[in-house]
Amino acid sequence: CSAATAAKFLINDVILKYGTPTCILTDNGTHFTSQVMNKLFENIGVTHLYSTVYHPQTNGQIERFNAT
C-alpha cells in the first residue's frame, strides 16, 4: 500500500463516512510516516500517534482482525 492509497482510503472510507477523528493511531509503516500522510494529518487537524514498534498488543483489535 502506498501513502497515496492510504490517504485516499482515509479520506473516502473513513472521514467522509464517519467524520474527522481527533487522533489516529498507526504502526510505523512507511505509508503512514510519509510526508503525504503527515501533510494530510496537519491539514485536517488530526493528531497522529504511532504504536510501539514490535508490540502488537498496542494494535490489539486490528492484529486480531487480521489474525497476525
PDB file of N, CA and C in Angstrom:
ATOM      1  N   CYS A   1       0.846  -1.176   0.000  1.00  0.00           N
ATOM      2  CA  CYS A   1       0.000   0.000   0.000  1.00  0.00           C
ATOM      3  C   CYS A   1       0.895   1.245   0.000  1.00  0.00           C
ATOM      4  N   SER A   2       0.603   2.170  -0.859  1.00  0.00           N
ATOM      5  CA  SER A   2       1.382   3.409  -0.910  1.00  0.00           C
ATOM      6  C   SER A   2       0.749   4.455  -0.009  1.00  0.00           C
ATOM      7  N   ALA A   3       1.485   5.523   0.247  1.00  0.00           N
ATOM      8  CA  ALA A   3       0.964   6.618   1.063  1.00  0.00           C
ATOM      9  C   ALA A   3      -0.254   7.254   0.402  1.00  0.00           C
ATOM     10  N   ALA A   4      -0.217   7.391  -0.910  1.00  0.00           N
ATOM     11  CA  ALA A   4      -1.348   7.986  -1.626  1.00  0.00           C
ATOM     12  C   ALA A   4      -2.598   7.117  -1.493  1.00  0.00           C
ATOM     13  N   THR A   5      -2.431   5.803  -1.582  1.00  0.00           N
ATOM     14  CA  THR A   5      -3.554   4.880  -1.421  1.00  0.00           C
ATOM     15  C   THR A   5      -4.114   4.954  -0.004  1.00  0.00           C
ATOM     16  N   ALA A   6      -3.232   4.997   0.982  1.00  0.00           N
ATOM     17  CA  ALA A   6      -3.673   5.099   2.378  1.00  0.00           C
ATOM     18  C   ALA A   6      -4.413   6.411   2.619  1.00  0.00           C
ATOM     19  N   ALA A   7      -3.922   7.496   2.039  1.00  0.00           N
ATOM     20  CA  ALA A   7      -4.564   8.805   2.197  1.00  0.00           C
ATOM     21  C   ALA A   7      -5.951   8.806   1.558  1.00  0.00           C
ATOM     22  N   LYS A   8      -6.060   8.236   0.360  1.00  0.00           N
ATOM     23  CA  LYS A   8      -7.365   8.161  -0.313  1.00  0.00           C
ATOM     24  C   LYS A   8      -8.351   7.334   0.501  1.00  0.00           C
ATOM     25  N   PHE A   9      -7.881   6.203   1.023  1.00  0.00           N
ATOM     26  CA  PHE A   9      -8.743   5.367   1.855  1.00  0.00           C
ATOM     27  C   PHE A   9      -9.212   6.136   3.084  1.00  0.00           C
ATOM     28  N   LEU A  10      -8.293   6.801   3.741  1.00  0.00           N
ATOM     29  CA  LEU A  10      -8.638   7.556   4.946  1.00  0.00           C
ATOM     30  C   LEU A  10      -9.693   8.614   4.655  1.00  0.00           C
ATOM     31  N   ILE A  11      -9.524   9.328   3.567  1.00  0.00           N
ATOM     32  CA  ILE A  11     -10.481  10.381   3.214  1.00  0.00           C
ATOM     33  C   ILE A  11     -11.821   9.784   2.790  1.00  0.00           C
ATOM     34  N   ASN A  12     -11.794   8.874   1.823  1.00  0.00           N
ATOM     35  CA  ASN A  12     -13.036   8.356   1.234  1.00  0.00           C
ATOM     36  C   ASN A  12     -13.797   7.369   2.115  1.00  0.00           C
ATOM     37  N   ASP A  13     -13.078   6.505   2.814  1.00  0.00           N
ATOM     38  CA  ASP A  13     -13.749   5.438   3.554  1.00  0.00           C
ATOM     39  C   ASP A  13     -13.847   5.668   5.055  1.00  0.00           C
ATOM     40  N   VAL A  14     -13.159   6.663   5.559  1.00  0.00           N
ATOM     41  CA  VAL A  14     -13.245   6.944   6.992  1.00  0.00           C
ATOM     42  C   VAL A  14     -13.826   8.331   7.234  1.00  0.00           C
ATOM     43  N   ILE A  15     -13.141   9.359   6.775  1.00  0.00           N
ATOM     44  CA  ILE A  15     -13.552  10.733   7.083  1.00  0.00           C
ATOM     45  C   ILE A  15     -14.898  11.088   6.464  1.00  0.00           C
ATOM     46  N   LEU A  16     -15.097  10.778   5.187  1.00  0.00           N
ATOM     47  CA  LEU A  16     -16.367  11.130   4.545  1.00  0.00           C
ATOM     48  C   LEU A  16     -17.547  10.339   5.103  1.00  0.00           C
ATOM     49  N   LYS A  17     -17.294   9.151   5.636  1.00  0.00           N
ATOM     50  CA  LYS A  17     -18.374   8.331   6.192  1.00  0.00           C
ATOM     51  C   LYS A  17     -18.636   8.613   7.668  1.00  0.00           C
ATOM     52  N   TYR A  18     -17.560   8.824   8.430  1.00  0.00           N
ATOM     53  CA  TYR A  18     -17.696   8.902   9.886  1.00  0.00           C
ATOM     54  C   TYR A  18     -17.278  10.242  10.487  1.00  0.00           C
ATOM     55  N   GLY A  19     -16.716  11.120   9.679  1.00  0.00           N
ATOM     56  CA  GLY A  19     -16.231  12.396  10.193  1.00  0.00           C
ATOM     57  C   GLY A  19     -14.747  12.329  10.532  1.00  0.00           C
ATOM     58  N   THR A  20     -14.186  13.469  10.824  1.00  0.00           N
ATOM     59  CA  THR A  20     -12.757  13.563  11.105  1.00  0.00           C
ATOM     60  C   THR A  20     -12.476  13.170  12.552  1.00  0.00           C
ATOM     61  N   PRO A  21     -11.609  12.197  12.752  1.00  0.00           N
ATOM     62  CA  PRO A  21     -11.266  11.813  14.125  1.00  0.00           C
ATOM     63  C   PRO A  21     -10.346  12.856  14.759  1.00  0.00           C
ATOM     64  N   THR A  22     -10.238  12.832  16.068  1.00  0.00           N
ATOM     65  CA  THR A  22      -9.322  13.761  16.733  1.00  0.00           C
ATOM     66  C   THR A  22      -7.897  13.245  16.693  1.00  0.00           C
ATOM     67  N   CYS A  23      -7.740  11.914  16.710  1.00  0.00           N
ATOM     68  CA  CYS A  23      -6.398  11.344  16.595  1.00  0.00           C
ATOM     69  C   CYS A  23      -6.486   9.999  15.881  1.00  0.00           C
ATOM     70  N   ILE A  24      -5.352   9.603  15.314  1.00  0.00           N
ATOM     71  CA  ILE A  24      -5.258   8.331  14.605  1.00  0.00           C
ATOM     72  C   ILE A  24      -4.010   7.620  15.093  1.00  0.00           C
ATOM     73  N   LEU A  25      -4.160   6.350  15.462  1.00  0.00           N
ATOM     74  CA  LEU A  25      -3.049   5.517  15.902  1.00  0.00           C
ATOM     75  C   LEU A  25      -2.688   4.565  14.773  1.00  0.00           C
ATOM     76  N   THR A  26      -1.436   4.625  14.317  1.00  0.00           N
ATOM     77  CA  THR A  26      -0.976   3.741  13.247  1.00  0.00           C
ATOM     78  C   THR A  26       0.314   3.059  13.669  1.00  0.00           C
ATOM     79  N   ASP A  27       0.708   2.066  12.875  1.00  0.00           N
ATOM     80  CA  ASP A  27       2.024   1.493  13.084  1.00  0.00           C
ATOM     81  C   ASP A  27       3.047   2.398  12.397  1.00  0.00           C
ATOM     82  N   ASN A  28       4.280   1.958  12.342  1.00  0.00           N
ATOM     83  CA  ASN A  28       5.344   2.783  11.777  1.00  0.00           C
ATOM     84  C   ASN A  28       5.639   2.460  10.322  1.00  0.00           C
ATOM     85  N   GLY A  29       4.654   1.945   9.613  1.00  0.00           N
ATOM     86  CA  GLY A  29       4.824   1.650   8.195  1.00  0.00           C
ATOM     87  C   GLY A  29       5.165   2.906   7.411  1.00  0.00           C
ATOM     88  N   THR A  30       5.944   2.740   6.360  1.00  0.00           N
ATOM     89  CA  THR A  30       6.399   3.898   5.586  1.00  0.00           C
ATOM     90  C   THR A  30       5.252   4.676   4.973  1.00  0.00           C
ATOM     91  N   HIS A  31       4.132   4.011   4.682  1.00  0.00           N
ATOM     92  CA  HIS A  31       2.991   4.728   4.118  1.00  0.00           C
ATOM     93  C   HIS A  31       2.336   5.633   5.154  1.00  0.00           C
ATOM     94  N   PHE A  32       2.530   5.360   6.444  1.00  0.00           N
ATOM     95  CA  PHE A  32       1.977   6.231   7.484  1.00  0.00           C
ATOM     96  C   PHE A  32       2.960   7.307   7.935  1.00  0.00           C
ATOM     97  N   THR A  33       4.243   7.083   7.737  1.00  0.00           N
ATOM     98  CA  THR A  33       5.249   8.053   8.181  1.00  0.00           C
ATOM     99  C   THR A  33       5.688   8.989   7.063  1.00  0.00           C
ATOM    100  N   SER A  34       5.063   8.892   5.916  1.00  0.00           N
ATOM    101  CA  SER A  34       5.450   9.692   4.751  1.00  0.00           C
ATOM    102  C   SER A  34       5.013  11.145   4.881  1.00  0.00           C
ATOM    103  N   GLN A  35       5.602  11.984   4.043  1.00  0.00           N
ATOM    104  CA  GLN A  35       5.227  13.396   4.006  1.00  0.00           C
ATOM    105  C   GLN A  35       3.777  13.564   3.564  1.00  0.00           C
ATOM    106  N   VAL A  36       3.313  12.697   2.677  1.00  0.00           N
ATOM    107  CA  VAL A  36       1.925  12.768   2.202  1.00  0.00           C
ATOM    108  C   VAL A  36       0.966  12.651   3.386  1.00  0.00           C
ATOM    109  N   MET A  37       1.163  11.643   4.214  1.00  0.00           N
ATOM    110  CA  MET A  37       0.275  11.438   5.356  1.00  0.00           C
ATOM    111  C   MET A  37       0.464  12.524   6.408  1.00  0.00           C
ATOM    112  N   ASN A  38       1.704  12.905   6.666  1.00  0.00           N
ATOM    113  CA  ASN A  38       1.942  13.961   7.651  1.00  0.00           C
ATOM    114  C   ASN A  38       1.261  15.258   7.242  1.00  0.00           C
ATOM    115  N   LYS A  39       1.319  15.593   5.963  1.00  0.00           N
ATOM    116  CA  LYS A  39       0.672  16.809   5.465  1.00  0.00           C
ATOM    117  C   LYS A  39      -0.847  16.681   5.563  1.00  0.00           C
ATOM    118  N   LEU A  40      -1.376  15.511   5.229  1.00  0.00           N
ATOM    119  CA  LEU A  40      -2.815  15.285   5.338  1.00  0.00           C
ATOM    120  C   LEU A  40      -3.273  15.463   6.782  1.00  0.00           C
ATOM    121  N   PHE A  41      -2.587  14.816   7.721  1.00  0.00           N
ATOM    122  CA  PHE A  41      -2.960  14.934   9.129  1.00  0.00           C
ATOM    123  C   PHE A  41      -2.882  16.381   9.598  1.00  0.00           C
ATOM    124  N   GLU A  42      -1.860  17.090   9.158  1.00  0.00           N
ATOM    125  CA  GLU A  42      -1.711  18.502   9.518  1.00  0.00           C
ATOM    126  C   GLU A  42      -2.867  19.331   8.954  1.00  0.00           C
ATOM    127  N   ASN A  43      -3.211  19.102   7.698  1.00  0.00           N
ATOM    128  CA  ASN A  43      -4.266  19.884   7.040  1.00  0.00           C
ATOM    129  C   ASN A  43      -5.655  19.643   7.631  1.00  0.00           C
ATOM    130  N   ILE A  44      -5.923  18.425   8.083  1.00  0.00           N
ATOM    131  CA  ILE A  44      -7.251  18.147   8.631  1.00  0.00           C
ATOM    132  C   ILE A  44      -7.293  18.268  10.152  1.00  0.00           C
ATOM    133  N   GLY A  45      -6.153  18.580  10.752  1.00  0.00           N
ATOM    134  CA  GLY A  45      -6.116  18.818  12.194  1.00  0.00           C
ATOM    135  C   GLY A  45      -6.205  17.571  13.048  1.00  0.00           C
ATOM    136  N   VAL A  46      -5.602  16.489  12.580  1.00  0.00           N
ATOM    137  CA  VAL A  46      -5.628  15.226  13.305  1.00  0.00           C
ATOM    138  C   VAL A  46      -4.280  15.002  13.986  1.00  0.00           C
ATOM    139  N   THR A  47      -4.323  14.568  15.229  1.00  0.00           N
ATOM    140  CA  THR A  47      -3.103  14.185  15.932  1.00  0.00           C
ATOM    141  C   THR A  47      -2.749  12.769  15.507  1.00  0.00           C
ATOM    142  N   HIS A  48      -1.522  12.582  15.053  1.00  0.00           N
ATOM    143  CA  HIS A  48      -1.079  11.269  14.579  1.00  0.00           C
ATOM    144  C   HIS A  48      -0.194  10.636  15.640  1.00  0.00           C
ATOM    145  N   LEU A  49      -0.614   9.484  16.142  1.00  0.00           N
ATOM    146  CA  LEU A  49       0.141   8.736  17.137  1.00  0.00           C
ATOM    147  C   LEU A  49       0.649   7.448  16.511  1.00  0.00           C
ATOM    148  N   TYR A  50       1.844   7.029  16.918  1.00  0.00           N
ATOM    149  CA  TYR A  50       2.436   5.797  16.410  1.00  0.00           C
ATOM    150  C   TYR A  50       2.421   4.730  17.496  1.00  0.00           C
ATOM    151  N   SER A  51       2.132   3.502  17.105  1.00  0.00           N
ATOM    152  CA  SER A  51       2.182   2.399  18.057  1.00  0.00           C
ATOM    153  C   SER A  51       3.635   2.037  18.332  1.00  0.00           C
ATOM    154  N   THR A  52       3.833   1.354  19.435  1.00  0.00           N
ATOM    155  CA  THR A  52       5.168   0.923  19.822  1.00  0.00           C
ATOM    156  C   THR A  52       5.652  -0.160  18.862  1.00  0.00           C
ATOM    157  N   VAL A  53       6.894  -0.025  18.421  1.00  0.00           N
ATOM    158  CA  VAL A  53       7.477  -0.990  17.492  1.00  0.00           C
ATOM    159  C   VAL A  53       7.582  -2.360  18.170  1.00  0.00           C
ATOM    160  N   TYR A  54       7.255  -3.406  17.432  1.00  0.00           N
ATOM    161  CA  TYR A  54       7.305  -4.795  17.901  1.00  0.00           C
ATOM    162  C   TYR A  54       6.464  -5.013  19.155  1.00  0.00           C
ATOM    163  N   HIS A  55       5.337  -4.340  19.230  1.00  0.00           N
ATOM    164  CA  HIS A  55       4.421  -4.509  20.365  1.00  0.00           C
ATOM    165  C   HIS A  55       3.001  -4.624  19.818  1.00  0.00           C
ATOM    166  N   PRO A  56       2.640  -5.802  19.286  1.00  0.00           N
ATOM    167  CA  PRO A  56       1.342  -5.958  18.625  1.00  0.00           C
ATOM    168  C   PRO A  56       0.149  -5.718  19.546  1.00  0.00           C
ATOM    169  N   GLN A  57       0.354  -5.794  20.853  1.00  0.00           N
ATOM    170  CA  GLN A  57      -0.750  -5.551  21.776  1.00  0.00           C
ATOM    171  C   GLN A  57      -1.283  -4.127  21.659  1.00  0.00           C
ATOM    172  N   THR A  58      -0.446  -3.198  21.231  1.00  0.00           N
ATOM    173  CA  THR A  58      -0.885  -1.819  21.050  1.00  0.00           C
ATOM    174  C   THR A  58      -1.989  -1.754  20.008  1.00  0.00           C
ATOM    175  N   ASN A  59      -1.869  -2.561  18.982  1.00  0.00           N
ATOM    176  CA  ASN A  59      -2.871  -2.618  17.918  1.00  0.00           C
ATOM    177  C   ASN A  59      -3.750  -3.850  18.084  1.00  0.00           C
ATOM    178  N   GLY A  60      -4.073  -4.211  19.293  1.00  0.00           N
ATOM    179  CA  GLY A  60      -4.754  -5.462  19.599  1.00  0.00           C
ATOM    180  C   GLY A  60      -5.940  -5.799  18.735  1.00  0.00           C
ATOM    181  N   GLN A  61      -6.894  -4.890  18.594  1.00  0.00           N
ATOM    182  CA  GLN A  61      -8.090  -5.200  17.813  1.00  0.00           C
ATOM    183  C   GLN A  61      -7.757  -5.418  16.348  1.00  0.00           C
ATOM    184  N   ILE A  62      -6.906  -4.597  15.797  1.00  0.00           N
ATOM    185  CA  ILE A  62      -6.536  -4.740  14.384  1.00  0.00           C
ATOM    186  C   ILE A  62      -5.736  -6.013  14.175  1.00  0.00           C
ATOM    187  N   GLU A  63      -4.777  -6.288  15.066  1.00  0.00           N
ATOM    188  CA  GLU A  63      -3.986  -7.511  14.936  1.00  0.00           C
ATOM    189  C   GLU A  63      -4.901  -8.741  15.007  1.00  0.00           C
ATOM    190  N   ARG A  64      -5.893  -8.714  15.873  1.00  0.00           N
ATOM    191  CA  ARG A  64      -6.820  -9.839  15.985  1.00  0.00           C
ATOM    192  C   ARG A  64      -7.668  -9.965  14.727  1.00  0.00           C
ATOM    193  N   PHE A  65      -8.140  -8.825  14.210  1.00  0.00           N
ATOM    194  CA  PHE A  65      -8.939  -8.830  12.990  1.00  0.00           C
ATOM    195  C   PHE A  65      -8.140  -9.416  11.834  1.00  0.00           C
ATOM    196  N   ASN A  66      -6.864  -9.036  11.739  1.00  0.00           N
ATOM    197  CA  ASN A  66      -6.001  -9.533  10.669  1.00  0.00           C
ATOM    198  C   ASN A  66      -5.430 -10.908  10.984  1.00  0.00           C
ATOM    199  N   ALA A  67      -5.657 -11.400  12.198  1.00  0.00           N
ATOM    200  CA  ALA A  67      -5.156 -12.704  12.652  1.00  0.00           C
ATOM    201  C   ALA A  67      -3.650 -12.813  12.501  1.00  0.00           C
ATOM    202  N   THR A  68      -2.952 -11.766  12.972  1.00  0.00           N
ATOM    203  CA  THR A  68      -1.479 -11.795  12.924  1.00  0.00           C
ATOM    204  C   THR A  68      -0.913 -11.924  14.311  1.00  0.00           C
TER     205      THR A  68
END
